[in-house]
């Protein structure tokens, strides 16, 4: 539920100016989420949202600036540790299974890593398809870029 709610918060702040937590609570309620101001406050902190001045005057909540490589890796570690439940592969495709509603959040962390082997991610509700560049011959465990990427995902998932 938290991942879905935070995805809704992202959609809301991208589509309309929200300058207070109360406005965000109201927008979430209109979107079907029954939340308290305390929950929204925790979500704002978890997501790293910041207030930015707008040309019309005043402030609005916005997503934080793009993270640097170290911060992106730490976010990916947290997302994989908290939300990922399995990995599989076939050819140059990796399947990342997540808790329901968490696939978009985990896919966003993969995208933020900006790894050159990752051509694309496609997220559903609880499954992410990762398309990997330049597949190598597959054996019991994949070798080449797919195998290296799988190993990095496992390290994110289980620590390391």
C-alpha atoms as a PDB file:
ATOM      1  CA  UNK A   1       0.000   0.000   0.000  1.00  0.00           C
ATOM      2  CA  UNK A   2       2.860   2.371   0.820  1.00  0.00           C
ATOM      3  CA  UNK A   3       4.453   1.957  -2.622  1.00  0.00           C
ATOM      4  CA  UNK A   4       1.120   2.591  -4.372  1.00  0.00           C
ATOM      5  CA  UNK A   5       0.410   5.622  -2.210  1.00  0.00           C
ATOM      6  CA  UNK A   6       3.868   7.044  -2.873  1.00  0.00           C
ATOM      7  CA  UNK A   7       3.428   6.445  -6.611  1.00  0.00           C
ATOM      8  CA  UNK A   8       0.137   8.369  -6.357  1.00  0.00           C
ATOM      9  CA  UNK A   9       1.936  11.192  -4.556  1.00  0.00           C
ATOM     10  CA  UNK A  10       4.450  11.365  -7.405  1.00  0.00           C
ATOM     11  CA  UNK A  11       1.649  11.560  -9.975  1.00  0.00           C
ATOM     12  CA  UNK A  12      -0.167  14.227  -7.986  1.00  0.00           C
ATOM     13  CA  UNK A  13       2.799  16.548  -7.441  1.00  0.00           C
ATOM     14  CA  UNK A  14       3.795  16.222 -11.088  1.00  0.00           C
ATOM     15  CA  UNK A  15       0.318  17.105 -12.325  1.00  0.00           C
ATOM     16  CA  UNK A  16      -0.750  19.901  -9.967  1.00  0.00           C
ATOM     17  CA  UNK A  17       0.807  22.454  -7.661  1.00  0.00           C
ATOM     18  CA  UNK A  18       0.686  21.164  -4.088  1.00  0.00           C
ATOM     19  CA  UNK A  19       2.159  23.510  -1.505  1.00  0.00           C
ATOM     20  CA  UNK A  20       0.997  22.064   1.829  1.00  0.00           C
ATOM     21  CA  UNK A  21       0.639  18.666   3.411  1.00  0.00           C
ATOM     22  CA  UNK A  22      -3.077  19.331   3.871  1.00  0.00           C
ATOM     23  CA  UNK A  23      -3.463  19.904   0.103  1.00  0.00           C
ATOM     24  CA  UNK A  24      -1.647  16.625  -0.521  1.00  0.00           C
ATOM     25  CA  UNK A  25      -3.882  14.779   1.961  1.00  0.00           C
ATOM     26  CA  UNK A  26      -6.953  16.157   0.162  1.00  0.00           C
ATOM     27  CA  UNK A  27      -5.592  15.233  -3.300  1.00  0.00           C
ATOM     28  CA  UNK A  28      -4.833  11.706  -2.084  1.00  0.00           C
ATOM     29  CA  UNK A  29      -8.327  11.362  -0.630  1.00  0.00           C
ATOM     30  CA  UNK A  30      -9.813  12.434  -3.974  1.00  0.00           C
ATOM     31  CA  UNK A  31      -7.660   9.728  -5.576  1.00  0.00           C
ATOM     32  CA  UNK A  32      -9.129   7.129  -3.210  1.00  0.00           C
ATOM     33  CA  UNK A  33      -6.468   6.999  -0.486  1.00  0.00           C
ATOM     34  CA  UNK A  34      -7.630   7.464   3.096  1.00  0.00           C
ATOM     35  CA  UNK A  35      -4.558   8.968   4.742  1.00  0.00           C
ATOM     36  CA  UNK A  36      -3.676  11.121   7.696  1.00  0.00           C
ATOM     37  CA  UNK A  37      -1.402  14.126   7.712  1.00  0.00           C
ATOM     38  CA  UNK A  38       1.117  12.096   9.741  1.00  0.00           C
ATOM     39  CA  UNK A  39       1.246   9.413   7.029  1.00  0.00           C
ATOM     40  CA  UNK A  40       1.748  12.046   4.334  1.00  0.00           C
ATOM     41  CA  UNK A  41       4.478  13.658   6.419  1.00  0.00           C
ATOM     42  CA  UNK A  42       6.319  10.314   6.642  1.00  0.00           C
ATOM     43  CA  UNK A  43       5.873   9.735   2.891  1.00  0.00           C
ATOM     44  CA  UNK A  44       7.288  13.187   2.118  1.00  0.00           C
ATOM     45  CA  UNK A  45      10.348  12.404   4.232  1.00  0.00           C
ATOM     46  CA  UNK A  46      10.756   8.884   2.769  1.00  0.00           C
ATOM     47  CA  UNK A  47      10.510  10.186  -0.780  1.00  0.00           C
ATOM     48  CA  UNK A  48      12.844  13.110  -0.118  1.00  0.00           C
ATOM     49  CA  UNK A  49      10.342  15.631  -1.480  1.00  0.00           C
ATOM     50  CA  UNK A  50      11.421  19.249  -1.287  1.00  0.00           C
ATOM     51  CA  UNK A  51       9.631  22.562  -1.575  1.00  0.00           C
ATOM     52  CA  UNK A  52      10.698  24.723  -4.487  1.00  0.00           C
ATOM     53  CA  UNK A  53       9.777  28.335  -5.213  1.00  0.00           C
ATOM     54  CA  UNK A  54       7.535  28.793  -8.251  1.00  0.00           C
ATOM     55  CA  UNK A  55       7.552  31.809 -10.605  1.00  0.00           C
ATOM     56  CA  UNK A  56       3.957  32.698  -9.695  1.00  0.00           C
ATOM     57  CA  UNK A  57       5.018  33.086  -6.078  1.00  0.00           C
ATOM     58  CA  UNK A  58       4.873  30.658  -3.214  1.00  0.00           C
ATOM     59  CA  UNK A  59       6.213  27.130  -3.037  1.00  0.00           C
ATOM     60  CA  UNK A  60       5.229  23.653  -4.160  1.00  0.00           C
ATOM     61  CA  UNK A  61       6.328  20.111  -3.372  1.00  0.00           C
ATOM     62  CA  UNK A  62       8.623  18.612  -6.017  1.00  0.00           C
ATOM     63  CA  UNK A  63      10.669  15.470  -6.432  1.00  0.00           C
ATOM     64  CA  UNK A  64      14.260  15.790  -5.269  1.00  0.00           C
ATOM     65  CA  UNK A  65      16.918  16.487  -7.873  1.00  0.00           C
ATOM     66  CA  UNK A  66      18.348  13.459  -9.658  1.00  0.00           C
ATOM     67  CA  UNK A  67      20.502  11.538  -7.202  1.00  0.00           C
ATOM     68  CA  UNK A  68      24.198  11.070  -7.688  1.00  0.00           C
ATOM     69  CA  UNK A  69      25.529   7.569  -8.367  1.00  0.00           C
ATOM     70  CA  UNK A  70      26.140   6.771  -4.685  1.00  0.00           C
ATOM     71  CA  UNK A  71      22.667   7.902  -3.591  1.00  0.00           C
ATOM     72  CA  UNK A  72      21.054   6.059  -6.524  1.00  0.00           C
ATOM     73  CA  UNK A  73      22.817   2.843  -5.506  1.00  0.00           C
ATOM     74  CA  UNK A  74      21.707   3.231  -1.881  1.00  0.00           C
ATOM     75  CA  UNK A  75      18.087   3.825  -2.945  1.00  0.00           C
ATOM     76  CA  UNK A  76      18.243   0.744  -5.165  1.00  0.00           C
ATOM     77  CA  UNK A  77      19.610  -1.326  -2.266  1.00  0.00           C
ATOM     78  CA  UNK A  78      16.752  -0.216  -0.024  1.00  0.00           C
ATOM     79  CA  UNK A  79      14.116  -0.823  -2.721  1.00  0.00           C
ATOM     80  CA  UNK A  80      15.458  -4.280  -3.592  1.00  0.00           C
ATOM     81  CA  UNK A  81      15.803  -5.233   0.070  1.00  0.00           C
ATOM     82  CA  UNK A  82      12.331  -3.981   1.018  1.00  0.00           C
ATOM     83  CA  UNK A  83      10.241  -4.882  -2.056  1.00  0.00           C
ATOM     84  CA  UNK A  84      11.927  -7.539  -4.212  1.00  0.00           C
ATOM     85  CA  UNK A  85      10.940 -11.182  -3.731  1.00  0.00           C
ATOM     86  CA  UNK A  86      12.564 -12.972  -6.689  1.00  0.00           C
ATOM     87  CA  UNK A  87      14.660 -12.887  -9.829  1.00  0.00           C
ATOM     88  CA  UNK A  88      14.629 -14.960 -13.005  1.00  0.00           C
ATOM     89  CA  UNK A  89      16.028 -14.630 -16.516  1.00  0.00           C
ATOM     90  CA  UNK A  90      15.686 -15.842 -20.082  1.00  0.00           C
ATOM     91  CA  UNK A  91      18.079 -14.822 -22.814  1.00  0.00           C
ATOM     92  CA  UNK A  92      18.655 -11.103 -22.491  1.00  0.00           C
ATOM     93  CA  UNK A  93      15.629 -10.566 -20.235  1.00  0.00           C
ATOM     94  CA  UNK A  94      15.603 -10.404 -16.446  1.00  0.00           C
ATOM     95  CA  UNK A  95      12.387 -10.664 -14.474  1.00  0.00           C
ATOM     96  CA  UNK A  96      12.338  -8.917 -11.102  1.00  0.00           C
ATOM     97  CA  UNK A  97       9.391  -9.930  -8.911  1.00  0.00           C
ATOM     98  CA  UNK A  98       8.258  -7.489  -6.235  1.00  0.00           C
ATOM     99  CA  UNK A  99       5.604  -7.171  -3.601  1.00  0.00           C
ATOM    100  CA  UNK A 100       2.256  -6.114  -5.113  1.00  0.00           C
ATOM    101  CA  UNK A 101       2.245  -2.444  -6.074  1.00  0.00           C
ATOM    102  CA  UNK A 102       6.013  -2.000  -5.723  1.00  0.00           C
ATOM    103  CA  UNK A 103       7.253  -2.716  -9.259  1.00  0.00           C
ATOM    104  CA  UNK A 104       7.184   0.913 -10.429  1.00  0.00           C
ATOM    105  CA  UNK A 105       9.178   2.107  -7.426  1.00  0.00           C
ATOM    106  CA  UNK A 106      11.829  -0.605  -7.863  1.00  0.00           C
ATOM    107  CA  UNK A 107      12.003  -0.033 -11.643  1.00  0.00           C
ATOM    108  CA  UNK A 108      12.578   3.672 -11.023  1.00  0.00           C
ATOM    109  CA  UNK A 109      15.599   2.818  -8.864  1.00  0.00           C
ATOM    110  CA  UNK A 110      16.959   0.557 -11.614  1.00  0.00           C
ATOM    111  CA  UNK A 111      16.514   3.367 -14.141  1.00  0.00           C
ATOM    112  CA  UNK A 112      18.218   5.867 -11.820  1.00  0.00           C
ATOM    113  CA  UNK A 113      21.304   3.622 -11.655  1.00  0.00           C
ATOM    114  CA  UNK A 114      21.815   4.384 -15.356  1.00  0.00           C
ATOM    115  CA  UNK A 115      23.691   1.125 -15.936  1.00  0.00           C
ATOM    116  CA  UNK A 116      24.690   0.869 -19.608  1.00  0.00           C
ATOM    117  CA  UNK A 117      23.648  -2.817 -19.818  1.00  0.00           C
ATOM    118  CA  UNK A 118      20.027  -1.917 -19.081  1.00  0.00           C
ATOM    119  CA  UNK A 119      18.245  -1.001 -22.295  1.00  0.00           C
ATOM    120  CA  UNK A 120      14.845  -0.623 -20.674  1.00  0.00           C
ATOM    121  CA  UNK A 121      12.625  -1.529 -17.754  1.00  0.00           C
ATOM    122  CA  UNK A 122       8.927  -2.223 -17.991  1.00  0.00           C
ATOM    123  CA  UNK A 123       6.998  -2.356 -14.716  1.00  0.00           C
ATOM    124  CA  UNK A 124       3.644  -3.896 -14.011  1.00  0.00           C
ATOM    125  CA  UNK A 125       2.086  -4.231 -10.572  1.00  0.00           C
ATOM    126  CA  UNK A 126       4.476  -6.806  -9.117  1.00  0.00           C
ATOM    127  CA  UNK A 127       6.803  -7.652 -12.008  1.00  0.00           C
ATOM    128  CA  UNK A 128       9.566  -5.765 -13.804  1.00  0.00           C
ATOM    129  CA  UNK A 129      10.948  -6.777 -17.185  1.00  0.00           C
ATOM    130  CA  UNK A 130      14.569  -5.652 -17.588  1.00  0.00           C
ATOM    131  CA  UNK A 131      15.895  -5.764 -21.160  1.00  0.00           C
ATOM    132  CA  UNK A 132      19.665  -6.250 -21.174  1.00  0.00           C
ATOM    133  CA  UNK A 133      21.984  -5.180 -24.008  1.00  0.00           C
ATOM    134  CA  UNK A 134      24.252  -7.683 -25.794  1.00  0.00           C
ATOM    135  CA  UNK A 135      23.237 -11.086 -24.419  1.00  0.00           C
ATOM    136  CA  UNK A 136      25.961 -13.700 -24.246  1.00  0.00           C
ATOM    137  CA  UNK A 137      25.655 -17.471 -24.602  1.00  0.00           C
ATOM    138  CA  UNK A 138      23.672 -18.875 -21.707  1.00  0.00           C
ATOM    139  CA  UNK A 139      24.784 -21.822 -19.594  1.00  0.00           C
ATOM    140  CA  UNK A 140      23.510 -22.864 -16.176  1.00  0.00           C
ATOM    141  CA  UNK A 141      24.019 -19.292 -15.000  1.00  0.00           C
ATOM    142  CA  UNK A 142      24.216 -16.564 -17.619  1.00  0.00           C
ATOM    143  CA  UNK A 143      27.573 -15.110 -18.487  1.00  0.00           C
ATOM    144  CA  UNK A 144      28.466 -11.706 -19.850  1.00  0.00           C
ATOM    145  CA  UNK A 145      26.286  -8.636 -19.224  1.00  0.00           C
ATOM    146  CA  UNK A 146      23.155 -10.590 -18.224  1.00  0.00           C
ATOM    147  CA  UNK A 147      25.064 -12.621 -15.640  1.00  0.00           C
ATOM    148  CA  UNK A 148      26.856  -9.553 -14.294  1.00  0.00           C
ATOM    149  CA  UNK A 149      23.592  -7.636 -14.024  1.00  0.00           C
ATOM    150  CA  UNK A 150      21.840 -10.559 -12.316  1.00  0.00           C
ATOM    151  CA  UNK A 151      24.673 -10.703  -9.795  1.00  0.00           C
ATOM    152  CA  UNK A 152      24.371  -6.962  -9.078  1.00  0.00           C
ATOM    153  CA  UNK A 153      20.572  -7.328  -8.591  1.00  0.00           C
ATOM    154  CA  UNK A 154      21.174 -10.218  -6.162  1.00  0.00           C
ATOM    155  CA  UNK A 155      23.651  -8.070  -4.227  1.00  0.00           C
ATOM    156  CA  UNK A 156      21.070  -5.277  -4.050  1.00  0.00           C
ATOM    157  CA  UNK A 157      18.415  -7.738  -2.924  1.00  0.00           C
ATOM    158  CA  UNK A 158      20.442  -9.592  -0.302  1.00  0.00           C
ATOM    159  CA  UNK A 159      23.147  -7.050   0.578  1.00  0.00           C
ATOM    160  CA  UNK A 160      26.737  -7.310  -0.316  1.00  0.00           C
END
